[in-house]
Amino acid sequence: MAKTALNQLQDQIEAIRREAYAAGYAAAMEAIRDFAGRPSAAAPARRRGRTPAAAAPPKPAPAPQRGPRRRRATAAQAPAAGGRRPQRGTNARLIAEVLKAMPSGTARPAEIRTALQRDKGVQMAFTSIRHALGQLAARNEVAASADGKSWRYTGASA
């Protein structure tokens, strides 16, 4: 008995949902028809006494003025959606450069990230920094400290 009452309630809710959807869809379509039927503000008003066939075709709207062109992102910066990807190994190269420039000779990933943003204008995720540090460590270009929290540049391997 309770199951049938629950099913009836669900059926009623579904019927109400369908009706609301249909009403909203009809209202949206009516709004589109009204909008499409209105003359645009850029179109000239028609003169009386002229037939639509004799009316001159509307002039095309002037092209919008463009502002100054934006600079393209360099290969070191994060690519824009649809832009070119940086070259392979760019992250590791940038991190090696940052570690070389560190005055103390060692740096934690957070310090590396801050230096990348400040000096190179590059935003990089911590996971990307850790991955690049792992690549550099495999090539013996960097070494982790004893606690494993900071890294120092050891030089390129031959």
Protein backbone atom coordinates (compact mmCIF):
# COMPACT_ATOMS: atom_id res chain seq x y z
CA MET A 1 0.00 0.00 0.00
CA ALA A 2 2.76 2.42 0.93
CA LYS A 3 4.59 1.46 -2.25
CA THR A 4 1.64 2.33 -4.47
CA ALA A 5 1.17 5.67 -2.69
CA LEU A 6 4.84 6.41 -3.24
CA ASN A 7 4.57 5.49 -6.92
CA GLN A 8 1.49 7.70 -7.30
CA LEU A 9 3.33 10.60 -5.69
CA GLN A 10 6.32 10.10 -7.99
CA ASP A 11 4.00 9.98 -11.02
CA GLN A 12 2.33 13.24 -9.92
CA ILE A 13 5.72 14.91 -9.42
CA GLU A 14 6.84 13.74 -12.85
CA ALA A 15 3.61 15.05 -14.46
CA ILE A 16 4.07 18.45 -12.77
CA ARG A 17 7.70 18.54 -13.91
CA ARG A 18 6.69 17.81 -17.52
CA GLU A 19 3.99 20.50 -17.45
CA ALA A 20 6.42 23.05 -16.02
CA TYR A 21 9.02 22.15 -18.63
CA ALA A 22 6.46 22.45 -21.44
CA ALA A 23 5.25 25.81 -20.12
CA GLY A 24 8.81 27.13 -19.80
CA TYR A 25 9.72 25.88 -23.25
CA ALA A 26 6.63 27.49 -24.77
CA ALA A 27 7.42 30.79 -23.03
CA ALA A 28 11.01 30.69 -24.25
CA MET A 29 9.94 29.98 -27.83
CA GLU A 30 7.42 32.84 -27.69
CA ALA A 31 10.16 35.18 -26.45
CA ILE A 32 12.40 34.08 -29.33
CA ARG A 33 9.61 34.64 -31.86
CA ASP A 34 8.96 38.11 -30.42
CA PHE A 35 12.64 38.98 -30.53
CA ALA A 36 13.09 37.67 -34.07
CA GLY A 37 10.01 39.57 -35.26
CA ARG A 38 11.22 42.94 -33.96
CA PRO A 39 13.28 45.13 -36.29
CA SER A 40 16.80 45.66 -35.08
CA ALA A 41 17.91 49.07 -33.83
CA ALA A 42 20.50 49.29 -36.62
CA ALA A 43 17.96 48.67 -39.41
CA PRO A 44 16.42 51.84 -40.87
CA ALA A 45 12.69 52.32 -40.43
CA ARG A 46 10.63 51.66 -43.56
CA ARG A 47 8.94 54.58 -45.23
CA ARG A 48 5.25 54.51 -45.91
CA GLY A 49 4.13 54.05 -49.45
CA ARG A 50 7.07 51.86 -50.43
CA THR A 51 6.69 48.19 -50.94
CA PRO A 52 9.19 45.82 -49.33
CA ALA A 53 10.45 44.77 -52.78
CA ALA A 54 11.27 48.37 -53.68
CA ALA A 55 13.05 49.08 -50.42
CA ALA A 56 16.80 49.51 -50.72
CA PRO A 57 18.84 46.77 -49.07
CA PRO A 58 20.18 47.81 -45.66
CA LYS A 59 23.79 48.95 -45.55
CA PRO A 60 26.13 46.61 -43.74
CA ALA A 61 27.13 47.71 -40.28
CA PRO A 62 30.64 49.15 -40.07
CA ALA A 63 33.28 46.81 -38.73
CA PRO A 64 33.97 47.37 -35.04
CA GLN A 65 37.17 49.21 -34.23
CA ARG A 66 39.76 46.93 -32.75
CA GLY A 67 41.95 47.95 -29.89
CA PRO A 68 45.67 47.25 -29.63
CA ARG A 69 46.60 43.66 -30.28
CA ARG A 70 47.50 41.54 -27.30
CA ARG A 71 50.94 40.04 -27.04
CA ARG A 72 51.20 36.34 -27.52
CA ALA A 73 52.21 34.22 -24.58
CA THR A 74 55.82 33.11 -24.66
CA ALA A 75 56.65 29.44 -24.60
CA ALA A 76 57.47 29.67 -20.90
CA GLN A 77 54.04 30.98 -19.95
CA ALA A 78 50.98 28.83 -19.53
CA PRO A 79 49.26 28.50 -22.92
CA ALA A 80 45.89 30.09 -23.48
CA ALA A 81 43.02 27.83 -24.41
CA GLY A 82 43.64 26.83 -27.98
CA GLY A 83 47.17 28.28 -27.92
CA ARG A 84 50.44 26.51 -28.57
CA ARG A 85 51.84 24.26 -25.91
CA PRO A 86 55.26 24.95 -24.43
CA GLN A 87 58.13 22.88 -25.71
CA ARG A 88 58.90 19.63 -23.89
CA GLY A 89 61.25 20.12 -20.95
CA THR A 90 60.39 23.78 -20.43
CA ASN A 91 59.32 23.30 -16.81
CA ALA A 92 62.52 21.47 -15.88
CA ARG A 93 64.66 24.09 -17.62
CA LEU A 94 62.86 26.95 -15.84
CA ILE A 95 63.19 25.27 -12.45
CA ALA A 96 66.90 24.62 -13.03
CA GLU A 97 67.38 28.31 -13.87
CA VAL A 98 65.52 29.36 -10.72
CA LEU A 99 67.56 27.01 -8.53
CA LYS A 100 70.83 28.34 -10.06
CA ALA A 101 69.76 31.89 -9.20
CA MET A 102 68.82 31.15 -5.58
CA PRO A 103 71.19 32.97 -3.22
CA SER A 104 71.13 30.23 -0.58
CA GLY A 105 71.63 27.50 -3.17
CA THR A 106 68.63 25.54 -1.91
CA ALA A 107 64.90 26.10 -2.20
CA ARG A 108 61.63 24.45 -1.32
CA PRO A 109 58.95 23.94 -3.99
CA ALA A 110 56.94 26.88 -2.60
CA GLU A 111 59.99 29.16 -2.94
CA ILE A 112 60.58 27.85 -6.47
CA ARG A 113 56.98 28.59 -7.38
CA THR A 114 57.19 32.12 -5.96
CA ALA A 115 60.43 32.79 -7.84
CA LEU A 116 58.93 31.47 -11.09
CA GLN A 117 55.98 33.84 -10.73
CA ARG A 118 58.12 36.80 -9.74
CA ASP A 119 61.10 36.40 -12.08
CA LYS A 120 59.75 34.52 -15.08
CA GLY A 121 56.07 35.49 -14.99
CA VAL A 122 55.12 31.81 -15.09
CA GLN A 123 52.48 30.15 -12.95
CA MET A 124 53.14 26.49 -12.34
CA ALA A 125 51.29 23.93 -10.24
CA PHE A 126 53.11 22.26 -7.38
CA THR A 127 52.61 18.87 -9.01
CA SER A 128 54.38 20.13 -12.13
CA ILE A 129 57.23 21.48 -10.01
CA ARG A 130 57.59 18.15 -8.20
CA HIS A 131 57.54 16.25 -11.50
CA ALA A 132 60.20 18.52 -13.01
CA LEU A 133 62.33 18.17 -9.87
CA GLY A 134 62.05 14.40 -10.23
CA GLN A 135 63.20 14.65 -13.86
CA LEU A 136 66.12 16.86 -12.87
CA ALA A 137 67.05 14.50 -10.03
CA ALA A 138 67.06 11.56 -12.47
CA ARG A 139 69.57 13.52 -14.59
CA ASN A 140 71.61 14.38 -11.46
CA GLU A 141 71.09 18.11 -12.00
CA VAL A 142 69.42 18.63 -8.63
CA ALA A 143 69.61 16.84 -5.31
CA ALA A 144 67.15 16.72 -2.44
CA SER A 145 68.29 17.73 1.03
CA ALA A 146 68.48 15.19 3.84
CA ASP A 147 64.92 15.95 4.95
CA GLY A 148 63.67 15.80 1.37
CA LYS A 149 61.90 19.14 1.59
CA SER A 150 64.36 21.42 -0.17
CA TRP A 151 66.36 21.04 -3.36
CA ARG A 152 69.74 22.34 -4.53
CA TYR A 153 71.18 22.63 -8.00
CA THR A 154 74.24 20.35 -8.45
CA GLY A 155 75.02 21.05 -12.09
CA ALA A 156 74.30 19.34 -15.37
CA SER A 157 75.55 15.79 -15.77
CA ALA A 158 77.81 15.02 -18.68
